[in-house]
């Protein structure tokens, strides 16, 4: 995949999203299946936890599109119901129970929002360049707080995000950089909003910490550009890979694909308001 340039000409920037770089970091073989092989191998069935995340994100994005008087917690729940899909769940009964759980999350979260304070963007594509990268990605929400552009990322998983998660996230750091460039403002604060619990993990980047994340991203891109092989990186996590069915090493390491609804919290965790790490 090595990129060749003409002598005296600038090096071609590597176009990527944070997700693309992190896919390479996780497993070069999965990177090949996702971004290189054409046609790509068939993926496994949809994941229920992805259905949960997609519906919650869509409902909150559409909530901000409503006229201000219509931005109520009940409206957020209605938008969640409209966006809901049964894909990935064990059966219709499980899907209906989870629609109720996620509706509760979204309604409770919307109750804590001020409908009169318009975000600068929702589901907004942002982009920037570095010395070697052309980075783009979609941000869940961009808030304007004084002179600061704050990157807000919704989370719906079982684990409650921590400050370390916000600090160490390559994706959030690149989104902050790209948000500042796209809106021509200052963006250093990133936030992970955990919808199941209402917790918020916050980190404010300095120019030095952003530079370190950029260096890391450029190093990953350099590995991709120089790659002539895409070795698998087998582990127990391979059971969660969309392509484990076509990867013998991943099947051996993980015992095969997980059930599509295995990423959901247990019923006990939902009923008791528990979370796990």
C-alpha atoms as a PDB file:
ATOM      1  CA  UNK A   1       0.000   0.000   0.000  1.00  0.00           C
ATOM      2  CA  UNK A   2       3.033   2.244  -0.233  1.00  0.00           C
ATOM      3  CA  UNK A   3       2.353   5.657  -1.760  1.00  0.00           C
ATOM      4  CA  UNK A   4       4.869   6.876  -4.300  1.00  0.00           C
ATOM      5  CA  UNK A   5       5.451  10.541  -5.029  1.00  0.00           C
ATOM      6  CA  UNK A   6       7.266  12.473  -7.698  1.00  0.00           C
ATOM      7  CA  UNK A   7      10.585  14.050  -6.780  1.00  0.00           C
ATOM      8  CA  UNK A   8      10.127  17.619  -5.614  1.00  0.00           C
ATOM      9  CA  UNK A   9       6.379  17.221  -5.202  1.00  0.00           C
ATOM     10  CA  UNK A  10       4.683  17.370  -1.783  1.00  0.00           C
ATOM     11  CA  UNK A  11       3.792  14.044  -0.189  1.00  0.00           C
ATOM     12  CA  UNK A  12       0.199  13.041  -0.731  1.00  0.00           C
ATOM     13  CA  UNK A  13      -1.806  13.309   2.470  1.00  0.00           C
ATOM     14  CA  UNK A  14      -3.264  10.099   3.876  1.00  0.00           C
ATOM     15  CA  UNK A  15      -7.046  10.497   3.995  1.00  0.00           C
ATOM     16  CA  UNK A  16      -8.566   8.829   7.021  1.00  0.00           C
ATOM     17  CA  UNK A  17     -11.045   8.887   9.845  1.00  0.00           C
ATOM     18  CA  UNK A  18     -10.133   8.141  13.461  1.00  0.00           C
ATOM     19  CA  UNK A  19     -12.051   4.881  13.120  1.00  0.00           C
ATOM     20  CA  UNK A  20      -9.861   3.835  10.204  1.00  0.00           C
ATOM     21  CA  UNK A  21      -6.667   4.433  12.172  1.00  0.00           C
ATOM     22  CA  UNK A  22      -7.998   2.609  15.221  1.00  0.00           C
ATOM     23  CA  UNK A  23      -9.048  -0.347  13.086  1.00  0.00           C
ATOM     24  CA  UNK A  24      -5.431  -0.687  11.972  1.00  0.00           C
ATOM     25  CA  UNK A  25      -4.260  -0.453  15.564  1.00  0.00           C
ATOM     26  CA  UNK A  26      -6.677  -3.164  16.672  1.00  0.00           C
ATOM     27  CA  UNK A  27      -5.985  -5.628  13.869  1.00  0.00           C
ATOM     28  CA  UNK A  28      -4.334  -5.151  10.454  1.00  0.00           C
ATOM     29  CA  UNK A  29      -6.284  -8.110   9.067  1.00  0.00           C
ATOM     30  CA  UNK A  30      -9.593  -6.456   9.998  1.00  0.00           C
ATOM     31  CA  UNK A  31      -8.272  -3.266   8.381  1.00  0.00           C
ATOM     32  CA  UNK A  32      -7.673  -5.202   5.165  1.00  0.00           C
ATOM     33  CA  UNK A  33     -11.149  -6.732   5.239  1.00  0.00           C
ATOM     34  CA  UNK A  34     -12.748  -3.328   5.888  1.00  0.00           C
ATOM     35  CA  UNK A  35     -10.770  -0.931   3.704  1.00  0.00           C
ATOM     36  CA  UNK A  36      -8.676  -2.875   1.192  1.00  0.00           C
ATOM     37  CA  UNK A  37     -10.396  -6.027  -0.062  1.00  0.00           C
ATOM     38  CA  UNK A  38     -12.933  -5.394  -2.776  1.00  0.00           C
ATOM     39  CA  UNK A  39     -15.397  -6.904  -2.677  1.00  0.00           C
ATOM     40  CA  UNK A  40     -15.134  -6.945   1.097  1.00  0.00           C
ATOM     41  CA  UNK A  41     -15.895 -10.221   2.885  1.00  0.00           C
ATOM     42  CA  UNK A  42     -19.422 -10.592   4.138  1.00  0.00           C
ATOM     43  CA  UNK A  43     -19.970  -9.320   7.667  1.00  0.00           C
ATOM     44  CA  UNK A  44     -21.787 -11.188  10.375  1.00  0.00           C
ATOM     45  CA  UNK A  45     -25.287 -10.251  11.559  1.00  0.00           C
ATOM     46  CA  UNK A  46     -25.991  -6.837  13.129  1.00  0.00           C
ATOM     47  CA  UNK A  47     -25.082  -6.276  16.776  1.00  0.00           C
ATOM     48  CA  UNK A  48     -27.839  -5.332  19.191  1.00  0.00           C
ATOM     49  CA  UNK A  49     -25.575  -2.907  21.070  1.00  0.00           C
ATOM     50  CA  UNK A  50     -24.913  -1.096  17.790  1.00  0.00           C
ATOM     51  CA  UNK A  51     -28.668  -0.851  17.232  1.00  0.00           C
ATOM     52  CA  UNK A  52     -28.990   0.731  20.684  1.00  0.00           C
ATOM     53  CA  UNK A  53     -26.282   3.286  19.950  1.00  0.00           C
ATOM     54  CA  UNK A  54     -27.563   4.163  16.495  1.00  0.00           C
ATOM     55  CA  UNK A  55     -31.144   4.721  17.669  1.00  0.00           C
ATOM     56  CA  UNK A  56     -30.120   6.874  20.652  1.00  0.00           C
ATOM     57  CA  UNK A  57     -27.766   9.001  18.541  1.00  0.00           C
ATOM     58  CA  UNK A  58     -30.382   9.515  15.834  1.00  0.00           C
ATOM     59  CA  UNK A  59     -33.078  10.455  18.335  1.00  0.00           C
ATOM     60  CA  UNK A  60     -30.898  13.100  19.999  1.00  0.00           C
ATOM     61  CA  UNK A  61     -29.774  14.527  16.664  1.00  0.00           C
ATOM     62  CA  UNK A  62     -33.383  14.849  15.502  1.00  0.00           C
ATOM     63  CA  UNK A  63     -34.424  16.377  18.840  1.00  0.00           C
ATOM     64  CA  UNK A  64     -32.293  19.428  18.093  1.00  0.00           C
ATOM     65  CA  UNK A  65     -33.966  19.746  14.695  1.00  0.00           C
ATOM     66  CA  UNK A  66     -37.361  20.295  16.329  1.00  0.00           C
ATOM     67  CA  UNK A  67     -38.746  23.775  16.905  1.00  0.00           C
ATOM     68  CA  UNK A  68     -37.735  24.941  20.376  1.00  0.00           C
ATOM     69  CA  UNK A  69     -41.190  24.613  21.979  1.00  0.00           C
ATOM     70  CA  UNK A  70     -41.288  20.979  20.806  1.00  0.00           C
ATOM     71  CA  UNK A  71     -37.973  20.021  22.428  1.00  0.00           C
ATOM     72  CA  UNK A  72     -39.377  18.153  25.393  1.00  0.00           C
ATOM     73  CA  UNK A  73     -38.226  14.951  27.114  1.00  0.00           C
ATOM     74  CA  UNK A  74     -41.347  13.199  25.835  1.00  0.00           C
ATOM     75  CA  UNK A  75     -40.495  14.240  22.281  1.00  0.00           C
ATOM     76  CA  UNK A  76     -37.025  12.707  22.684  1.00  0.00           C
ATOM     77  CA  UNK A  77     -38.594   9.425  23.694  1.00  0.00           C
ATOM     78  CA  UNK A  78     -40.948   9.558  20.731  1.00  0.00           C
ATOM     79  CA  UNK A  79     -38.014  10.116  18.390  1.00  0.00           C
ATOM     80  CA  UNK A  80     -36.257   7.114  19.931  1.00  0.00           C
ATOM     81  CA  UNK A  81     -39.325   4.964  19.310  1.00  0.00           C
ATOM     82  CA  UNK A  82     -39.420   6.158  15.692  1.00  0.00           C
ATOM     83  CA  UNK A  83     -35.716   5.386  15.182  1.00  0.00           C
ATOM     84  CA  UNK A  84     -35.849   1.980  16.856  1.00  0.00           C
ATOM     85  CA  UNK A  85     -34.967  -1.258  15.054  1.00  0.00           C
ATOM     86  CA  UNK A  86     -35.132  -4.873  16.269  1.00  0.00           C
ATOM     87  CA  UNK A  87     -31.890  -5.776  14.481  1.00  0.00           C
ATOM     88  CA  UNK A  88     -29.462  -7.875  16.498  1.00  0.00           C
ATOM     89  CA  UNK A  89     -31.769  -8.770  19.358  1.00  0.00           C
ATOM     90  CA  UNK A  90     -32.599 -12.307  20.386  1.00  0.00           C
ATOM     91  CA  UNK A  91     -36.299 -11.847  19.716  1.00  0.00           C
ATOM     92  CA  UNK A  92     -39.015  -9.229  19.528  1.00  0.00           C
ATOM     93  CA  UNK A  93     -39.604  -9.379  23.278  1.00  0.00           C
ATOM     94  CA  UNK A  94     -35.984  -8.516  24.062  1.00  0.00           C
ATOM     95  CA  UNK A  95     -36.008  -5.734  21.469  1.00  0.00           C
ATOM     96  CA  UNK A  96     -39.150  -4.217  23.004  1.00  0.00           C
ATOM     97  CA  UNK A  97     -37.677  -4.317  26.512  1.00  0.00           C
ATOM     98  CA  UNK A  98     -34.561  -2.543  25.300  1.00  0.00           C
ATOM     99  CA  UNK A  99     -36.567   0.059  23.457  1.00  0.00           C
ATOM    100  CA  UNK A 100     -38.055   0.878  26.858  1.00  0.00           C
ATOM    101  CA  UNK A 101     -34.634   1.034  28.539  1.00  0.00           C
ATOM    102  CA  UNK A 102     -33.113   3.262  25.891  1.00  0.00           C
ATOM    103  CA  UNK A 103     -36.226   5.425  25.778  1.00  0.00           C
ATOM    104  CA  UNK A 104     -35.732   6.028  29.507  1.00  0.00           C
ATOM    105  CA  UNK A 105     -32.089   7.046  28.911  1.00  0.00           C
ATOM    106  CA  UNK A 106     -32.910   9.469  26.130  1.00  0.00           C
ATOM    107  CA  UNK A 107     -35.880  11.001  27.919  1.00  0.00           C
ATOM    108  CA  UNK A 108     -33.876  11.505  31.113  1.00  0.00           C
ATOM    109  CA  UNK A 109     -30.942  12.973  29.202  1.00  0.00           C
ATOM    110  CA  UNK A 110     -33.160  15.393  27.274  1.00  0.00           C
ATOM    111  CA  UNK A 111     -34.682  16.569  30.566  1.00  0.00           C
ATOM    112  CA  UNK A 112     -31.253  17.880  31.524  1.00  0.00           C
ATOM    113  CA  UNK A 113     -30.761  19.858  28.301  1.00  0.00           C
ATOM    114  CA  UNK A 114     -31.687  23.488  27.772  1.00  0.00           C
ATOM    115  CA  UNK A 115     -33.682  23.500  24.515  1.00  0.00           C
ATOM    116  CA  UNK A 116     -33.019  27.218  24.059  1.00  0.00           C
ATOM    117  CA  UNK A 117     -29.225  26.802  23.892  1.00  0.00           C
ATOM    118  CA  UNK A 118     -28.496  25.830  20.305  1.00  0.00           C
ATOM    119  CA  UNK A 119     -25.447  23.652  19.678  1.00  0.00           C
ATOM    120  CA  UNK A 120     -23.110  24.748  16.913  1.00  0.00           C
ATOM    121  CA  UNK A 121     -23.642  21.434  15.228  1.00  0.00           C
ATOM    122  CA  UNK A 122     -25.129  17.956  15.614  1.00  0.00           C
ATOM    123  CA  UNK A 123     -23.924  14.933  13.650  1.00  0.00           C
ATOM    124  CA  UNK A 124     -21.537  17.412  12.067  1.00  0.00           C
ATOM    125  CA  UNK A 125     -18.687  16.374   9.784  1.00  0.00           C
ATOM    126  CA  UNK A 126     -15.442  18.106  10.726  1.00  0.00           C
ATOM    127  CA  UNK A 127     -12.061  17.921   9.020  1.00  0.00           C
ATOM    128  CA  UNK A 128      -8.480  19.115   9.223  1.00  0.00           C
ATOM    129  CA  UNK A 129      -5.051  18.389   7.838  1.00  0.00           C
ATOM    130  CA  UNK A 130      -1.709  17.758   9.498  1.00  0.00           C
ATOM    131  CA  UNK A 131       1.687  17.399   7.892  1.00  0.00           C
ATOM    132  CA  UNK A 132       0.797  13.925   6.604  1.00  0.00           C
ATOM    133  CA  UNK A 133      -2.939  13.404   7.230  1.00  0.00           C
ATOM    134  CA  UNK A 134      -6.266  14.590   5.910  1.00  0.00           C
ATOM    135  CA  UNK A 135      -8.575  13.691   8.794  1.00  0.00           C
ATOM    136  CA  UNK A 136     -12.352  13.827   8.800  1.00  0.00           C
ATOM    137  CA  UNK A 137     -15.070  12.485  11.034  1.00  0.00           C
ATOM    138  CA  UNK A 138     -18.547  13.067  12.375  1.00  0.00           C
ATOM    139  CA  UNK A 139     -19.045  14.637  15.803  1.00  0.00           C
ATOM    140  CA  UNK A 140     -22.213  13.864  17.777  1.00  0.00           C
ATOM    141  CA  UNK A 141     -22.533  17.436  19.034  1.00  0.00           C
ATOM    142  CA  UNK A 142     -20.503  20.638  19.171  1.00  0.00           C
ATOM    143  CA  UNK A 143     -21.418  23.077  21.950  1.00  0.00           C
ATOM    144  CA  UNK A 144     -20.435  26.726  22.057  1.00  0.00           C
ATOM    145  CA  UNK A 145     -19.576  27.639  25.647  1.00  0.00           C
ATOM    146  CA  UNK A 146     -18.194  31.127  25.786  1.00  0.00           C
ATOM    147  CA  UNK A 147     -15.198  31.199  23.474  1.00  0.00           C
ATOM    148  CA  UNK A 148     -14.815  27.421  23.617  1.00  0.00           C
ATOM    149  CA  UNK A 149     -16.078  24.805  21.161  1.00  0.00           C
ATOM    150  CA  UNK A 150     -16.756  21.636  23.157  1.00  0.00           C
ATOM    151  CA  UNK A 151     -16.843  18.205  21.503  1.00  0.00           C
ATOM    152  CA  UNK A 152     -19.634  16.031  22.939  1.00  0.00           C
ATOM    153  CA  UNK A 153     -19.664  12.294  22.264  1.00  0.00           C
ATOM    154  CA  UNK A 154     -22.645  10.157  23.358  1.00  0.00           C
ATOM    155  CA  UNK A 155     -21.888   6.728  24.816  1.00  0.00           C
ATOM    156  CA  UNK A 156     -24.405   3.921  25.331  1.00  0.00           C
ATOM    157  CA  UNK A 157     -22.194   0.988  26.341  1.00  0.00           C
ATOM    158  CA  UNK A 158     -22.080  -0.925  29.591  1.00  0.00           C
ATOM    159  CA  UNK A 159     -18.872   0.662  30.875  1.00  0.00           C
ATOM    160  CA  UNK A 160     -19.048   4.120  32.431  1.00  0.00           C
ATOM    161  CA  UNK A 161     -16.449   6.358  30.716  1.00  0.00           C
ATOM    162  CA  UNK A 162     -13.762   7.913  32.903  1.00  0.00           C
ATOM    163  CA  UNK A 163     -11.574  10.976  32.626  1.00  0.00           C
ATOM    164  CA  UNK A 164      -8.797   8.673  31.452  1.00  0.00           C
ATOM    165  CA  UNK A 165     -11.032   7.493  28.604  1.00  0.00           C
ATOM    166  CA  UNK A 166     -11.628  11.086  27.513  1.00  0.00           C
ATOM    167  CA  UNK A 167      -7.953  11.983  27.877  1.00  0.00           C
ATOM    168  CA  UNK A 168      -6.662   8.948  26.013  1.00  0.00           C
ATOM    169  CA  UNK A 169      -9.160   8.915  23.146  1.00  0.00           C
ATOM    170  CA  UNK A 170      -7.357   9.432  19.847  1.00  0.00           C
ATOM    171  CA  UNK A 171     -10.687   9.994  18.126  1.00  0.00           C
ATOM    172  CA  UNK A 172     -11.794  12.767  20.491  1.00  0.00           C
ATOM    173  CA  UNK A 173      -8.446  14.530  20.230  1.00  0.00           C
ATOM    174  CA  UNK A 174      -8.605  14.518  16.434  1.00  0.00           C
ATOM    175  CA  UNK A 175     -12.228  15.662  16.567  1.00  0.00           C
ATOM    176  CA  UNK A 176     -11.223  18.577  18.792  1.00  0.00           C
ATOM    177  CA  UNK A 177      -8.498  19.591  16.372  1.00  0.00           C
ATOM    178  CA  UNK A 178     -10.829  19.228  13.380  1.00  0.00           C
ATOM    179  CA  UNK A 179     -13.670  21.071  15.132  1.00  0.00           C
ATOM    180  CA  UNK A 180     -11.448  24.042  15.824  1.00  0.00           C
ATOM    181  CA  UNK A 181     -10.308  24.141  12.214  1.00  0.00           C
ATOM    182  CA  UNK A 182     -13.780  23.629  10.743  1.00  0.00           C
ATOM    183  CA  UNK A 183     -15.472  26.297  12.867  1.00  0.00           C
ATOM    184  CA  UNK A 184     -12.398  28.538  12.939  1.00  0.00           C
ATOM    185  CA  UNK A 185     -12.426  28.686  16.702  1.00  0.00           C
ATOM    186  CA  UNK A 186     -10.798  27.177  19.751  1.00  0.00           C
ATOM    187  CA  UNK A 187     -11.609  23.597  20.739  1.00  0.00           C
ATOM    188  CA  UNK A 188      -9.771  21.760  23.484  1.00  0.00           C
ATOM    189  CA  UNK A 189     -12.459  20.286  25.738  1.00  0.00           C
ATOM    190  CA  UNK A 190     -13.893  16.853  24.968  1.00  0.00           C
ATOM    191  CA  UNK A 191     -16.717  15.132  26.826  1.00  0.00           C
ATOM    192  CA  UNK A 192     -18.108  11.606  26.961  1.00  0.00           C
ATOM    193  CA  UNK A 193     -21.804  11.670  27.911  1.00  0.00           C
ATOM    194  CA  UNK A 194     -22.919   8.234  29.152  1.00  0.00           C
ATOM    195  CA  UNK A 195     -26.641   8.026  28.490  1.00  0.00           C
ATOM    196  CA  UNK A 196     -27.418   4.994  30.704  1.00  0.00           C
ATOM    197  CA  UNK A 197     -26.108   6.702  33.856  1.00  0.00           C
ATOM    198  CA  UNK A 198     -26.046  10.394  32.962  1.00  0.00           C
ATOM    199  CA  UNK A 199     -22.354  10.620  33.883  1.00  0.00           C
ATOM    200  CA  UNK A 200     -20.005  12.929  31.969  1.00  0.00           C
ATOM    201  CA  UNK A 201     -16.266  12.365  31.585  1.00  0.00           C
ATOM    202  CA  UNK A 202     -14.390  15.554  30.717  1.00  0.00           C
ATOM    203  CA  UNK A 203     -10.875  16.298  29.517  1.00  0.00           C
ATOM    204  CA  UNK A 204      -9.370  19.589  28.418  1.00  0.00           C
ATOM    205  CA  UNK A 205      -6.481  19.164  26.001  1.00  0.00           C
ATOM    206  CA  UNK A 206      -3.433  21.366  25.951  1.00  0.00           C
ATOM    207  CA  UNK A 207      -1.571  22.103  22.717  1.00  0.00           C
ATOM    208  CA  UNK A 208       1.007  19.536  23.865  1.00  0.00           C
ATOM    209  CA  UNK A 209      -1.495  16.720  24.441  1.00  0.00           C
ATOM    210  CA  UNK A 210      -3.175  17.393  21.096  1.00  0.00           C
ATOM    211  CA  UNK A 211       0.242  17.321  19.417  1.00  0.00           C
ATOM    212  CA  UNK A 212       0.980  13.952  21.008  1.00  0.00           C
ATOM    213  CA  UNK A 213      -2.262  12.509  19.654  1.00  0.00           C
ATOM    214  CA  UNK A 214      -1.502  13.899  16.209  1.00  0.00           C
ATOM    215  CA  UNK A 215       1.950  12.294  16.307  1.00  0.00           C
ATOM    216  CA  UNK A 216       0.360   9.001  17.271  1.00  0.00           C
ATOM    217  CA  UNK A 217      -2.147   9.249  14.428  1.00  0.00           C
ATOM    218  CA  UNK A 218       0.590  10.087  11.918  1.00  0.00           C
ATOM    219  CA  UNK A 219       2.650   7.122  13.118  1.00  0.00           C
ATOM    220  CA  UNK A 220      -0.298   4.769  12.624  1.00  0.00           C
ATOM    221  CA  UNK A 221      -0.916   6.172   9.156  1.00  0.00           C
ATOM    222  CA  UNK A 222       2.756   5.691   8.281  1.00  0.00           C
ATOM    223  CA  UNK A 223       2.445   2.016   9.244  1.00  0.00           C
ATOM    224  CA  UNK A 224      -0.587   1.648   6.982  1.00  0.00           C
ATOM    225  CA  UNK A 225       1.121   3.337   4.048  1.00  0.00           C
ATOM    226  CA  UNK A 226       4.224   1.170   4.413  1.00  0.00           C
ATOM    227  CA  UNK A 227       2.297  -2.080   4.878  1.00  0.00           C
ATOM    228  CA  UNK A 228       2.701  -4.915   2.411  1.00  0.00           C
ATOM    229  CA  UNK A 229       1.037  -7.452   4.681  1.00  0.00           C
ATOM    230  CA  UNK A 230      -1.973  -7.398   6.971  1.00  0.00           C
ATOM    231  CA  UNK A 231      -1.366  -9.957   9.722  1.00  0.00           C
ATOM    232  CA  UNK A 232      -4.140 -10.948  12.066  1.00  0.00           C
ATOM    233  CA  UNK A 233      -3.852 -10.018  15.731  1.00  0.00           C
ATOM    234  CA  UNK A 234      -5.815 -12.838  17.385  1.00  0.00           C
ATOM    235  CA  UNK A 235      -7.249 -12.524  20.887  1.00  0.00           C
ATOM    236  CA  UNK A 236     -10.420 -13.256  22.834  1.00  0.00           C
ATOM    237  CA  UNK A 237     -11.801  -9.987  21.431  1.00  0.00           C
ATOM    238  CA  UNK A 238     -11.966 -11.536  17.968  1.00  0.00           C
ATOM    239  CA  UNK A 239     -15.375 -12.923  18.878  1.00  0.00           C
ATOM    240  CA  UNK A 240     -16.702  -9.366  18.546  1.00  0.00           C
ATOM    241  CA  UNK A 241     -15.252  -8.826  15.068  1.00  0.00           C
ATOM    242  CA  UNK A 242     -17.631  -8.563  12.122  1.00  0.00           C
ATOM    243  CA  UNK A 243     -15.259 -10.720  10.085  1.00  0.00           C
ATOM    244  CA  UNK A 244     -14.421 -13.511  12.541  1.00  0.00           C
ATOM    245  CA  UNK A 245     -16.365 -15.982  10.397  1.00  0.00           C
ATOM    246  CA  UNK A 246     -13.801 -15.593   7.612  1.00  0.00           C
ATOM    247  CA  UNK A 247     -10.744 -15.464   9.895  1.00  0.00           C
ATOM    248  CA  UNK A 248      -9.576 -18.891  11.136  1.00  0.00           C
ATOM    249  CA  UNK A 249      -7.036 -17.354  13.542  1.00  0.00           C
ATOM    250  CA  UNK A 250      -9.739 -15.214  15.114  1.00  0.00           C
ATOM    251  CA  UNK A 251     -12.088 -18.169  15.477  1.00  0.00           C
ATOM    252  CA  UNK A 252      -9.390 -20.226  17.181  1.00  0.00           C
ATOM    253  CA  UNK A 253      -8.466 -17.429  19.578  1.00  0.00           C
ATOM    254  CA  UNK A 254     -12.020 -16.512  20.565  1.00  0.00           C
ATOM    255  CA  UNK A 255     -13.976 -19.732  20.141  1.00  0.00           C
ATOM    256  CA  UNK A 256     -16.092 -18.190  17.405  1.00  0.00           C
ATOM    257  CA  UNK A 257     -18.416 -15.229  17.036  1.00  0.00           C
ATOM    258  CA  UNK A 258     -20.351 -13.829  19.964  1.00  0.00           C
ATOM    259  CA  UNK A 259     -24.120 -13.853  19.886  1.00  0.00           C
ATOM    260  CA  UNK A 260     -25.437 -10.629  18.375  1.00  0.00           C
ATOM    261  CA  UNK A 261     -27.027  -9.534  21.683  1.00  0.00           C
ATOM    262  CA  UNK A 262     -24.044 -10.488  23.892  1.00  0.00           C
ATOM    263  CA  UNK A 263     -22.870  -6.862  24.218  1.00  0.00           C
ATOM    264  CA  UNK A 264     -26.010  -5.779  26.039  1.00  0.00           C
ATOM    265  CA  UNK A 265     -26.070  -5.294  29.789  1.00  0.00           C
ATOM    266  CA  UNK A 266     -27.910  -8.014  31.682  1.00  0.00           C
ATOM    267  CA  UNK A 267     -31.508  -7.574  32.718  1.00  0.00           C
ATOM    268  CA  UNK A 268     -30.353  -7.364  36.346  1.00  0.00           C
ATOM    269  CA  UNK A 269     -27.955  -4.545  35.492  1.00  0.00           C
ATOM    270  CA  UNK A 270     -30.748  -2.658  33.784  1.00  0.00           C
ATOM    271  CA  UNK A 271     -33.313  -3.132  36.513  1.00  0.00           C
ATOM    272  CA  UNK A 272     -30.879  -2.255  39.310  1.00  0.00           C
ATOM    273  CA  UNK A 273     -29.146   0.556  37.414  1.00  0.00           C
ATOM    274  CA  UNK A 274     -25.807  -1.234  37.536  1.00  0.00           C
ATOM    275  CA  UNK A 275     -22.931  -0.750  35.129  1.00  0.00           C
ATOM    276  CA  UNK A 276     -19.843  -2.813  34.557  1.00  0.00           C
ATOM    277  CA  UNK A 277     -16.316  -1.991  33.362  1.00  0.00           C
END
